[in-house]
Amino acid sequence: MSDTHLAEPSGPKPKKVLCRTNIMLYGTLIIVSMYYLLPLYVMVVTSLKGMPEIRMGNIFAPPMEITYQPWVKAWSQACTGINCDGLSRGFWNSVRILIPSCVLSIVIASVNGYALARWRFKGSELFFGILIIGAFIPYQTMLYPLVIILRELKLMGSIWGLVLVHTVFGMPILTLLFRNYFASIPEDLHKAARVDGAGFWTIYFKIMVPMSLPIFVVALILQVTGIWNDFLFGVIYTKPDTYPMTVQLNNIVNSVQGIKEYNVNMAATLLTGAVPLILYFVSGKLFVRGIAAGAVKG
């Protein structure tokens, strides 16, 4: 009999699918997932019920008769102060705040990170250290000084004043992420481009940007989430006509006039959180790749 027939199988022994470790692991994940998804489930089913059914008291029961009227009212009819146009006005205000804030902060931070990673200048480390300190300063300490600055710039109460605030506060953490990600790109590419005569902007646009899609997605998700969900800056630096969606949501939920319509409140909350939630679902894999590369290298 040949040696090949006597040889023992090599490689690790296959693990059983229903082993004790897998049961504990997936069981724990399922329990934790249910814990976090239960409030979302309650919000969804409540938003699809009429008020008579809600008053029956069983918040976990699915709707006996589905109605979309709470969603319609939350979007276009709910009262926020003297205005009764729902969240629609706040939604478009948030869009007008979000787009320029994201574009400005991401573009400026990416150039800063690129310069700090590949074009070191005298005092760059000090500059980077000061910038990072800014990421740990509590927002509350800057509220009043920013009020004075925006007042002097004639931007207090305007959308562009809030855009400026979000751009400035997003700069430290985004610069850190971009710097670390660009530092992880092989330096030989940068040196080869320099030898071929490429300058600062040529290398940035033709080498760095095309190789950095994951970290741009991370920056986009962080900014969209932070800016869209912001309440504090929105209520301080804007006025009723330019309130973002979160401020209007607060006015709807905490209204003391009329009947408390829990289905409308739940629908309004879901509408407000839809944009960052959809963005996470669409770009989740790129977010994980980018945050891992931008957080541990550099």
C-alpha atoms as a PDB file:
ATOM      1  CA  MET A   1       0.000   0.000   0.000  1.00  0.00           C
ATOM      2  CA  SER A   2       1.424   3.420  -0.955  1.00  0.00           C
ATOM      3  CA  ASP A   3       2.307   6.138   1.540  1.00  0.00           C
ATOM      4  CA  THR A   4      -0.434   8.406   0.208  1.00  0.00           C
ATOM      5  CA  HIS A   5      -3.104   5.991   1.486  1.00  0.00           C
ATOM      6  CA  LEU A   6      -1.560   5.941   4.962  1.00  0.00           C
ATOM      7  CA  ALA A   7      -1.191   9.721   5.363  1.00  0.00           C
ATOM      8  CA  GLU A   8      -3.385  11.389   7.984  1.00  0.00           C
ATOM      9  CA  PRO A   9      -5.622  14.339   6.935  1.00  0.00           C
ATOM     10  CA  SER A  10      -3.926  17.693   7.460  1.00  0.00           C
ATOM     11  CA  GLY A  11      -5.311  21.064   8.450  1.00  0.00           C
ATOM     12  CA  PRO A  12      -7.509  22.223  11.307  1.00  0.00           C
ATOM     13  CA  LYS A  13     -10.385  20.063  12.399  1.00  0.00           C
ATOM     14  CA  PRO A  14     -13.728  21.430  11.133  1.00  0.00           C
ATOM     15  CA  LYS A  15     -15.759  23.097  13.867  1.00  0.00           C
ATOM     16  CA  LYS A  16     -19.341  22.134  14.528  1.00  0.00           C
ATOM     17  CA  VAL A  17     -21.894  24.770  13.599  1.00  0.00           C
ATOM     18  CA  LEU A  18     -23.850  24.243  16.819  1.00  0.00           C
ATOM     19  CA  CYS A  19     -20.906  24.117  19.184  1.00  0.00           C
ATOM     20  CA  ARG A  20     -21.135  25.754  22.587  1.00  0.00           C
ATOM     21  CA  THR A  21     -19.031  28.764  21.558  1.00  0.00           C
ATOM     22  CA  ASN A  22     -21.186  29.570  18.534  1.00  0.00           C
ATOM     23  CA  ILE A  23     -24.398  29.189  20.528  1.00  0.00           C
ATOM     24  CA  MET A  24     -23.163  31.624  23.184  1.00  0.00           C
ATOM     25  CA  LEU A  25     -21.779  34.060  20.603  1.00  0.00           C
ATOM     26  CA  TYR A  26     -24.803  34.233  18.334  1.00  0.00           C
ATOM     27  CA  GLY A  27     -27.211  34.026  21.242  1.00  0.00           C
ATOM     28  CA  THR A  28     -25.601  37.076  22.811  1.00  0.00           C
ATOM     29  CA  LEU A  29     -25.640  38.951  19.493  1.00  0.00           C
ATOM     30  CA  ILE A  30     -29.317  38.167  18.954  1.00  0.00           C
ATOM     31  CA  ILE A  31     -30.265  39.318  22.472  1.00  0.00           C
ATOM     32  CA  VAL A  32     -28.288  42.567  22.142  1.00  0.00           C
ATOM     33  CA  SER A  33     -29.755  43.200  18.675  1.00  0.00           C
ATOM     34  CA  MET A  34     -33.285  42.695  19.986  1.00  0.00           C
ATOM     35  CA  TYR A  35     -32.569  45.090  22.852  1.00  0.00           C
ATOM     36  CA  TYR A  36     -31.518  47.849  20.459  1.00  0.00           C
ATOM     37  CA  LEU A  37     -34.160  47.114  17.807  1.00  0.00           C
ATOM     38  CA  LEU A  38     -37.098  46.961  20.224  1.00  0.00           C
ATOM     39  CA  PRO A  39     -37.435  50.777  20.599  1.00  0.00           C
ATOM     40  CA  LEU A  40     -37.273  51.128  16.814  1.00  0.00           C
ATOM     41  CA  TYR A  41     -40.007  48.502  16.455  1.00  0.00           C
ATOM     42  CA  VAL A  42     -42.206  50.347  18.965  1.00  0.00           C
ATOM     43  CA  MET A  43     -41.679  53.621  17.091  1.00  0.00           C
ATOM     44  CA  VAL A  44     -42.605  52.092  13.734  1.00  0.00           C
ATOM     45  CA  VAL A  45     -45.758  50.278  14.911  1.00  0.00           C
ATOM     46  CA  THR A  46     -46.914  53.293  16.938  1.00  0.00           C
ATOM     47  CA  SER A  47     -46.493  55.596  13.933  1.00  0.00           C
ATOM     48  CA  LEU A  48     -48.800  53.320  11.912  1.00  0.00           C
ATOM     49  CA  LYS A  49     -51.624  53.266  14.480  1.00  0.00           C
ATOM     50  CA  GLY A  50     -54.499  55.632  15.064  1.00  0.00           C
ATOM     51  CA  MET A  51     -54.889  57.322  18.437  1.00  0.00           C
ATOM     52  CA  PRO A  52     -57.872  55.125  19.534  1.00  0.00           C
ATOM     53  CA  GLU A  53     -55.737  52.017  19.083  1.00  0.00           C
ATOM     54  CA  ILE A  54     -52.774  53.609  20.896  1.00  0.00           C
ATOM     55  CA  ARG A  55     -55.000  54.397  23.878  1.00  0.00           C
ATOM     56  CA  MET A  56     -55.666  50.660  24.279  1.00  0.00           C
ATOM     57  CA  GLY A  57     -52.216  50.520  25.875  1.00  0.00           C
ATOM     58  CA  ASN A  58     -50.502  47.606  24.091  1.00  0.00           C
ATOM     59  CA  ILE A  59     -47.425  49.300  22.628  1.00  0.00           C
ATOM     60  CA  PHE A  60     -45.878  46.054  21.328  1.00  0.00           C
ATOM     61  CA  ALA A  61     -48.900  44.871  19.344  1.00  0.00           C
ATOM     62  CA  PRO A  62     -48.780  45.388  15.573  1.00  0.00           C
ATOM     63  CA  PRO A  63     -51.370  47.807  14.170  1.00  0.00           C
ATOM     64  CA  MET A  64     -54.813  46.297  13.607  1.00  0.00           C
ATOM     65  CA  GLU A  65     -55.437  48.877  10.891  1.00  0.00           C
ATOM     66  CA  ILE A  66     -52.458  50.549   9.270  1.00  0.00           C
ATOM     67  CA  THR A  67     -52.759  54.287   8.713  1.00  0.00           C
ATOM     68  CA  TYR A  68     -50.223  56.647   7.140  1.00  0.00           C
ATOM     69  CA  GLN A  69     -51.987  59.801   8.277  1.00  0.00           C
ATOM     70  CA  PRO A  70     -49.508  60.354  11.186  1.00  0.00           C
ATOM     71  CA  TRP A  71     -46.655  60.418   8.640  1.00  0.00           C
ATOM     72  CA  VAL A  72     -48.515  62.889   6.441  1.00  0.00           C
ATOM     73  CA  LYS A  73     -49.298  65.122   9.394  1.00  0.00           C
ATOM     74  CA  ALA A  74     -45.717  64.944  10.734  1.00  0.00           C
ATOM     75  CA  TRP A  75     -44.340  65.977   7.345  1.00  0.00           C
ATOM     76  CA  SER A  76     -46.724  68.717   6.283  1.00  0.00           C
ATOM     77  CA  GLN A  77     -49.342  69.552   8.924  1.00  0.00           C
ATOM     78  CA  ALA A  78     -47.909  69.361  12.452  1.00  0.00           C
ATOM     79  CA  CYS A  79     -47.542  72.688  14.252  1.00  0.00           C
ATOM     80  CA  THR A  80     -44.141  73.947  15.375  1.00  0.00           C
ATOM     81  CA  GLY A  81     -44.952  77.165  17.151  1.00  0.00           C
ATOM     82  CA  ILE A  82     -47.029  79.476  14.958  1.00  0.00           C
ATOM     83  CA  ASN A  83     -46.205  77.517  11.794  1.00  0.00           C
ATOM     84  CA  CYS A  84     -48.227  74.405  10.924  1.00  0.00           C
ATOM     85  CA  ASP A  85     -46.282  73.099   7.932  1.00  0.00           C
ATOM     86  CA  GLY A  86     -44.759  70.092   9.711  1.00  0.00           C
ATOM     87  CA  LEU A  87     -41.165  69.014   9.266  1.00  0.00           C
ATOM     88  CA  SER A  88     -40.975  69.840   5.568  1.00  0.00           C
ATOM     89  CA  ARG A  89     -39.538  73.336   6.080  1.00  0.00           C
ATOM     90  CA  GLY A  90     -37.029  72.063   8.635  1.00  0.00           C
ATOM     91  CA  PHE A  91     -35.996  69.264   6.276  1.00  0.00           C
ATOM     92  CA  TRP A  92     -35.048  71.656   3.498  1.00  0.00           C
ATOM     93  CA  ASN A  93     -33.309  73.938   5.995  1.00  0.00           C
ATOM     94  CA  SER A  94     -31.256  70.943   7.171  1.00  0.00           C
ATOM     95  CA  VAL A  95     -30.369  70.082   3.563  1.00  0.00           C
ATOM     96  CA  ARG A  96     -29.258  73.665   2.929  1.00  0.00           C
ATOM     97  CA  ILE A  97     -27.098  73.496   6.065  1.00  0.00           C
ATOM     98  CA  LEU A  98     -25.781  69.976   5.485  1.00  0.00           C
ATOM     99  CA  ILE A  99     -24.478  70.153   1.919  1.00  0.00           C
ATOM    100  CA  PRO A 100     -22.154  73.191   2.178  1.00  0.00           C
ATOM    101  CA  SER A 101     -21.027  72.182   5.682  1.00  0.00           C
ATOM    102  CA  CYS A 102     -20.011  68.702   4.507  1.00  0.00           C
ATOM    103  CA  VAL A 103     -18.335  69.906   1.330  1.00  0.00           C
ATOM    104  CA  LEU A 104     -16.339  72.677   3.010  1.00  0.00           C
ATOM    105  CA  SER A 105     -15.241  70.677   6.067  1.00  0.00           C
ATOM    106  CA  ILE A 106     -14.275  67.543   4.107  1.00  0.00           C
ATOM    107  CA  VAL A 107     -12.382  69.411   1.383  1.00  0.00           C
ATOM    108  CA  ILE A 108     -10.454  71.602   3.834  1.00  0.00           C
ATOM    109  CA  ALA A 109      -9.734  68.734   6.248  1.00  0.00           C
ATOM    110  CA  SER A 110      -8.550  66.434   3.446  1.00  0.00           C
ATOM    111  CA  VAL A 111      -6.097  69.074   2.194  1.00  0.00           C
ATOM    112  CA  ASN A 112      -4.917  69.703   5.772  1.00  0.00           C
ATOM    113  CA  GLY A 113      -4.437  65.981   6.398  1.00  0.00           C
ATOM    114  CA  TYR A 114      -2.591  65.562   3.105  1.00  0.00           C
ATOM    115  CA  ALA A 115      -0.260  68.460   3.861  1.00  0.00           C
ATOM    116  CA  LEU A 116       0.449  67.248   7.398  1.00  0.00           C
ATOM    117  CA  ALA A 117       1.131  63.686   6.218  1.00  0.00           C
ATOM    118  CA  ARG A 118       3.246  64.329   3.106  1.00  0.00           C
ATOM    119  CA  TRP A 119       4.357  67.975   3.026  1.00  0.00           C
ATOM    120  CA  ARG A 120       5.788  68.624   6.465  1.00  0.00           C
ATOM    121  CA  PHE A 121       6.569  72.265   7.150  1.00  0.00           C
ATOM    122  CA  LYS A 122       8.194  74.068  10.056  1.00  0.00           C
ATOM    123  CA  GLY A 123       5.854  73.953  13.011  1.00  0.00           C
ATOM    124  CA  SER A 124       3.548  71.358  11.413  1.00  0.00           C
ATOM    125  CA  GLU A 125       3.570  69.109  14.482  1.00  0.00           C
ATOM    126  CA  LEU A 126       2.697  72.056  16.740  1.00  0.00           C
ATOM    127  CA  PHE A 127      -0.080  73.076  14.378  1.00  0.00           C
ATOM    128  CA  PHE A 128      -1.395  69.516  14.322  1.00  0.00           C
ATOM    129  CA  GLY A 129      -1.286  69.298  18.116  1.00  0.00           C
ATOM    130  CA  ILE A 130      -3.249  72.531  18.513  1.00  0.00           C
ATOM    131  CA  LEU A 131      -5.792  71.307  15.974  1.00  0.00           C
ATOM    132  CA  ILE A 132      -6.287  68.023  17.804  1.00  0.00           C
ATOM    133  CA  ILE A 133      -6.734  69.817  21.135  1.00  0.00           C
ATOM    134  CA  GLY A 134      -9.687  71.519  19.509  1.00  0.00           C
ATOM    135  CA  ALA A 135     -11.388  68.134  19.149  1.00  0.00           C
ATOM    136  CA  PHE A 136     -11.521  67.747  22.931  1.00  0.00           C
ATOM    137  CA  ILE A 137     -12.792  71.204  23.869  1.00  0.00           C
ATOM    138  CA  PRO A 138     -16.432  70.955  25.014  1.00  0.00           C
ATOM    139  CA  TYR A 139     -18.801  72.691  22.624  1.00  0.00           C
ATOM    140  CA  GLN A 140     -20.555  74.431  25.517  1.00  0.00           C
ATOM    141  CA  THR A 141     -17.467  76.521  26.297  1.00  0.00           C
ATOM    142  CA  MET A 142     -17.509  77.978  22.785  1.00  0.00           C
ATOM    143  CA  LEU A 143     -21.180  78.882  22.520  1.00  0.00           C
ATOM    144  CA  TYR A 144     -21.047  82.495  23.693  1.00  0.00           C
ATOM    145  CA  PRO A 145     -17.784  83.461  21.929  1.00  0.00           C
ATOM    146  CA  LEU A 146     -19.259  82.122  18.685  1.00  0.00           C
ATOM    147  CA  VAL A 147     -22.397  84.194  19.224  1.00  0.00           C
ATOM    148  CA  ILE A 148     -20.206  87.311  19.404  1.00  0.00           C
ATOM    149  CA  ILE A 149     -18.164  86.286  16.335  1.00  0.00           C
ATOM    150  CA  LEU A 150     -21.239  85.527  14.223  1.00  0.00           C
ATOM    151  CA  ARG A 151     -22.849  88.783  15.342  1.00  0.00           C
ATOM    152  CA  GLU A 152     -19.805  90.758  14.217  1.00  0.00           C
ATOM    153  CA  LEU A 153     -19.762  88.880  10.888  1.00  0.00           C
ATOM    154  CA  LYS A 154     -23.499  89.632  10.410  1.00  0.00           C
ATOM    155  CA  LEU A 155     -24.199  85.886  10.222  1.00  0.00           C
ATOM    156  CA  MET A 156     -26.081  85.376  13.488  1.00  0.00           C
ATOM    157  CA  GLY A 157     -29.431  83.708  12.852  1.00  0.00           C
ATOM    158  CA  SER A 158     -28.586  82.764   9.263  1.00  0.00           C
ATOM    159  CA  ILE A 159     -27.985  79.383   7.671  1.00  0.00           C
ATOM    160  CA  TRP A 160     -24.487  80.391   6.582  1.00  0.00           C
ATOM    161  CA  GLY A 161     -23.560  81.213  10.166  1.00  0.00           C
ATOM    162  CA  LEU A 162     -24.483  77.661  11.195  1.00  0.00           C
ATOM    163  CA  VAL A 163     -22.580  76.297   8.176  1.00  0.00           C
ATOM    164  CA  LEU A 164     -19.477  78.124   9.400  1.00  0.00           C
ATOM    165  CA  VAL A 165     -19.886  76.688  12.916  1.00  0.00           C
ATOM    166  CA  HIS A 166     -20.261  73.089  11.675  1.00  0.00           C
ATOM    167  CA  THR A 167     -17.306  73.483   9.316  1.00  0.00           C
ATOM    168  CA  VAL A 168     -15.012  74.725  12.089  1.00  0.00           C
ATOM    169  CA  PHE A 169     -16.052  72.114  14.642  1.00  0.00           C
ATOM    170  CA  GLY A 170     -15.721  69.275  12.152  1.00  0.00           C
ATOM    171  CA  MET A 171     -12.167  70.222  11.220  1.00  0.00           C
ATOM    172  CA  PRO A 172     -10.085  68.645  14.059  1.00  0.00           C
ATOM    173  CA  ILE A 173     -11.358  65.058  13.951  1.00  0.00           C
ATOM    174  CA  LEU A 174     -11.579  64.994  10.154  1.00  0.00           C
ATOM    175  CA  THR A 175      -8.027  66.306   9.802  1.00  0.00           C
ATOM    176  CA  LEU A 176      -6.811  63.557  12.144  1.00  0.00           C
ATOM    177  CA  LEU A 177      -8.578  60.857  10.108  1.00  0.00           C
ATOM    178  CA  PHE A 178      -7.284  62.152   6.770  1.00  0.00           C
ATOM    179  CA  ARG A 179      -3.747  62.589   8.060  1.00  0.00           C
ATOM    180  CA  ASN A 180      -3.603  59.032   9.377  1.00  0.00           C
ATOM    181  CA  TYR A 181      -5.106  57.587   6.209  1.00  0.00           C
ATOM    182  CA  PHE A 182      -2.773  59.491   3.872  1.00  0.00           C
ATOM    183  CA  ALA A 183       0.185  58.448   6.038  1.00  0.00           C
ATOM    184  CA  SER A 184      -0.784  54.803   5.439  1.00  0.00           C
ATOM    185  CA  ILE A 185      -0.466  55.182   1.646  1.00  0.00           C
ATOM    186  CA  PRO A 186       3.023  54.000   0.499  1.00  0.00           C
ATOM    187  CA  GLU A 187       5.404  56.928   0.487  1.00  0.00           C
ATOM    188  CA  ASP A 188       7.099  55.556  -2.644  1.00  0.00           C
ATOM    189  CA  LEU A 189       4.106  56.716  -4.691  1.00  0.00           C
ATOM    190  CA  HIS A 190       4.576  60.247  -3.412  1.00  0.00           C
ATOM    191  CA  LYS A 191       8.320  60.198  -4.078  1.00  0.00           C
ATOM    192  CA  ALA A 192       7.844  58.780  -7.578  1.00  0.00           C
ATOM    193  CA  ALA A 193       5.335  61.504  -8.385  1.00  0.00           C
ATOM    194  CA  ARG A 194       7.759  64.159  -7.102  1.00  0.00           C
ATOM    195  CA  VAL A 195      10.521  62.719  -9.304  1.00  0.00           C
ATOM    196  CA  ASP A 196       8.173  62.929 -12.309  1.00  0.00           C
ATOM    197  CA  GLY A 197       7.632  66.617 -11.566  1.00  0.00           C
ATOM    198  CA  ALA A 198       4.183  66.461  -9.944  1.00  0.00           C
ATOM    199  CA  GLY A 199       3.394  69.238  -7.508  1.00  0.00           C
ATOM    200  CA  PHE A 200       1.221  69.563  -4.421  1.00  0.00           C
ATOM    201  CA  TRP A 201      -2.166  69.700  -6.156  1.00  0.00           C
ATOM    202  CA  THR A 202      -1.341  67.191  -8.897  1.00  0.00           C
ATOM    203  CA  ILE A 203      -0.391  64.540  -6.350  1.00  0.00           C
ATOM    204  CA  TYR A 204      -3.458  65.349  -4.261  1.00  0.00           C
ATOM    205  CA  PHE A 205      -5.995  65.087  -7.072  1.00  0.00           C
ATOM    206  CA  LYS A 206      -4.421  62.321  -9.175  1.00  0.00           C
ATOM    207  CA  ILE A 207      -2.950  60.022  -6.488  1.00  0.00           C
ATOM    208  CA  MET A 208      -4.320  60.712  -3.025  1.00  0.00           C
ATOM    209  CA  VAL A 209      -7.987  61.353  -3.782  1.00  0.00           C
ATOM    210  CA  PRO A 210      -8.537  58.337  -6.093  1.00  0.00           C
ATOM    211  CA  MET A 211      -6.962  56.030  -3.460  1.00  0.00           C
ATOM    212  CA  SER A 212      -8.924  57.452  -0.539  1.00  0.00           C
ATOM    213  CA  LEU A 213     -12.578  56.678  -1.206  1.00  0.00           C
ATOM    214  CA  PRO A 214     -13.071  54.794   2.117  1.00  0.00           C
ATOM    215  CA  ILE A 215     -11.845  57.675   4.286  1.00  0.00           C
ATOM    216  CA  PHE A 216     -13.938  60.188   2.326  1.00  0.00           C
ATOM    217  CA  VAL A 217     -16.975  57.992   3.021  1.00  0.00           C
ATOM    218  CA  VAL A 218     -16.061  57.907   6.728  1.00  0.00           C
ATOM    219  CA  ALA A 219     -15.758  61.694   6.796  1.00  0.00           C
ATOM    220  CA  LEU A 220     -19.074  62.040   4.969  1.00  0.00           C
ATOM    221  CA  ILE A 221     -20.898  59.733   7.390  1.00  0.00           C
ATOM    222  CA  LEU A 222     -19.433  61.450  10.449  1.00  0.00           C
ATOM    223  CA  GLN A 223     -20.361  64.891   9.182  1.00  0.00           C
ATOM    224  CA  VAL A 224     -23.821  63.937   7.943  1.00  0.00           C
ATOM    225  CA  THR A 225     -24.613  62.245  11.256  1.00  0.00           C
ATOM    226  CA  GLY A 226     -23.230  65.055  13.395  1.00  0.00           C
ATOM    227  CA  ILE A 227     -24.722  67.919  11.402  1.00  0.00           C
ATOM    228  CA  TRP A 228     -28.101  66.336  10.685  1.00  0.00           C
ATOM    229  CA  ASN A 229     -28.623  65.244  14.313  1.00  0.00           C
ATOM    230  CA  ASP A 230     -27.392  68.506  15.813  1.00  0.00           C
ATOM    231  CA  PHE A 231     -29.840  70.348  18.043  1.00  0.00           C
ATOM    232  CA  LEU A 232     -27.677  72.594  20.226  1.00  0.00           C
ATOM    233  CA  PHE A 233     -26.072  74.700  17.492  1.00  0.00           C
ATOM    234  CA  GLY A 234     -29.283  74.782  15.483  1.00  0.00           C
ATOM    235  CA  VAL A 235     -31.409  76.217  18.275  1.00  0.00           C
ATOM    236  CA  ILE A 236     -28.764  78.806  19.264  1.00  0.00           C
ATOM    237  CA  TYR A 237     -27.394  80.083  15.948  1.00  0.00           C
ATOM    238  CA  THR A 238     -30.541  80.082  13.802  1.00  0.00           C
ATOM    239  CA  LYS A 239     -34.003  81.608  14.068  1.00  0.00           C
ATOM    240  CA  PRO A 240     -37.489  80.082  13.603  1.00  0.00           C
ATOM    241  CA  ASP A 241     -37.500  80.576   9.824  1.00  0.00           C
ATOM    242  CA  THR A 242     -34.176  78.749   9.456  1.00  0.00           C
ATOM    243  CA  TYR A 243     -34.513  76.104  12.185  1.00  0.00           C
ATOM    244  CA  PRO A 244     -33.127  72.699  11.135  1.00  0.00           C
ATOM    245  CA  MET A 245     -35.235  69.561  11.296  1.00  0.00           C
ATOM    246  CA  THR A 246     -34.127  68.514  14.795  1.00  0.00           C
ATOM    247  CA  VAL A 247     -35.247  71.804  16.328  1.00  0.00           C
ATOM    248  CA  GLN A 248     -38.627  71.497  14.672  1.00  0.00           C
ATOM    249  CA  LEU A 249     -38.897  67.895  15.886  1.00  0.00           C
ATOM    250  CA  ASN A 250     -38.307  69.112  19.443  1.00  0.00           C
ATOM    251  CA  ASN A 251     -41.038  71.718  19.026  1.00  0.00           C
ATOM    252  CA  ILE A 252     -43.493  69.089  17.779  1.00  0.00           C
ATOM    253  CA  VAL A 253     -42.736  66.494  20.467  1.00  0.00           C
ATOM    254  CA  ASN A 254     -42.685  68.978  23.349  1.00  0.00           C
ATOM    255  CA  SER A 255     -45.715  70.960  22.263  1.00  0.00           C
ATOM    256  CA  VAL A 256     -48.086  71.611  25.181  1.00  0.00           C
ATOM    257  CA  GLN A 257     -51.038  72.631  23.027  1.00  0.00           C
ATOM    258  CA  GLY A 258     -53.827  70.242  22.050  1.00  0.00           C
ATOM    259  CA  ILE A 259     -53.859  66.459  22.312  1.00  0.00           C
ATOM    260  CA  LYS A 260     -50.594  64.558  22.635  1.00  0.00           C
ATOM    261  CA  GLU A 261     -50.415  62.606  19.365  1.00  0.00           C
ATOM    262  CA  TYR A 262     -47.858  59.880  19.988  1.00  0.00           C
ATOM    263  CA  ASN A 263     -48.202  58.431  16.498  1.00  0.00           C
ATOM    264  CA  VAL A 264     -47.327  61.790  14.924  1.00  0.00           C
ATOM    265  CA  ASN A 265     -44.376  62.192  17.315  1.00  0.00           C
ATOM    266  CA  MET A 266     -43.028  58.749  16.391  1.00  0.00           C
ATOM    267  CA  ALA A 267     -43.456  59.396  12.677  1.00  0.00           C
ATOM    268  CA  ALA A 268     -41.687  62.752  13.005  1.00  0.00           C
ATOM    269  CA  THR A 269     -38.803  61.119  14.863  1.00  0.00           C
ATOM    270  CA  LEU A 270     -38.405  58.426  12.216  1.00  0.00           C
ATOM    271  CA  LEU A 271     -38.502  61.010   9.427  1.00  0.00           C
ATOM    272  CA  THR A 272     -35.800  63.047  11.157  1.00  0.00           C
ATOM    273  CA  GLY A 273     -33.494  60.051  11.591  1.00  0.00           C
ATOM    274  CA  ALA A 274     -34.030  58.620   8.102  1.00  0.00           C
ATOM    275  CA  VAL A 275     -31.182  60.417   6.306  1.00  0.00           C
ATOM    276  CA  PRO A 276     -28.189  59.227   8.433  1.00  0.00           C
ATOM    277  CA  LEU A 277     -29.772  55.774   8.770  1.00  0.00           C
ATOM    278  CA  ILE A 278     -30.051  55.351   4.988  1.00  0.00           C
ATOM    279  CA  LEU A 279     -26.491  56.616   4.529  1.00  0.00           C
ATOM    280  CA  TYR A 280     -25.173  53.985   6.969  1.00  0.00           C
ATOM    281  CA  PHE A 281     -26.976  51.193   5.141  1.00  0.00           C
ATOM    282  CA  VAL A 282     -25.716  52.318   1.735  1.00  0.00           C
ATOM    283  CA  SER A 283     -22.047  52.801   2.659  1.00  0.00           C
ATOM    284  CA  GLY A 284     -21.513  50.546   5.686  1.00  0.00           C
ATOM    285  CA  LYS A 285     -18.660  48.445   4.240  1.00  0.00           C
ATOM    286  CA  LEU A 286     -16.668  51.468   3.091  1.00  0.00           C
ATOM    287  CA  PHE A 287     -17.191  53.058   6.507  1.00  0.00           C
ATOM    288  CA  VAL A 288     -15.646  50.052   8.300  1.00  0.00           C
ATOM    289  CA  ARG A 289     -12.687  49.962   5.905  1.00  0.00           C
ATOM    290  CA  GLY A 290     -12.032  53.660   6.169  1.00  0.00           C
ATOM    291  CA  ILE A 291     -12.383  54.013   9.930  1.00  0.00           C
ATOM    292  CA  ALA A 292     -10.015  51.073  10.493  1.00  0.00           C
ATOM    293  CA  ALA A 293      -7.357  52.496   8.185  1.00  0.00           C
ATOM    294  CA  GLY A 294      -7.730  56.062   9.400  1.00  0.00           C
ATOM    295  CA  ALA A 295      -7.743  55.230  13.102  1.00  0.00           C
ATOM    296  CA  VAL A 296      -4.809  52.876  13.618  1.00  0.00           C
ATOM    297  CA  LYS A 297      -2.161  54.155  11.214  1.00  0.00           C
ATOM    298  CA  GLY A 298      -0.105  57.300  10.973  1.00  0.00           C
END
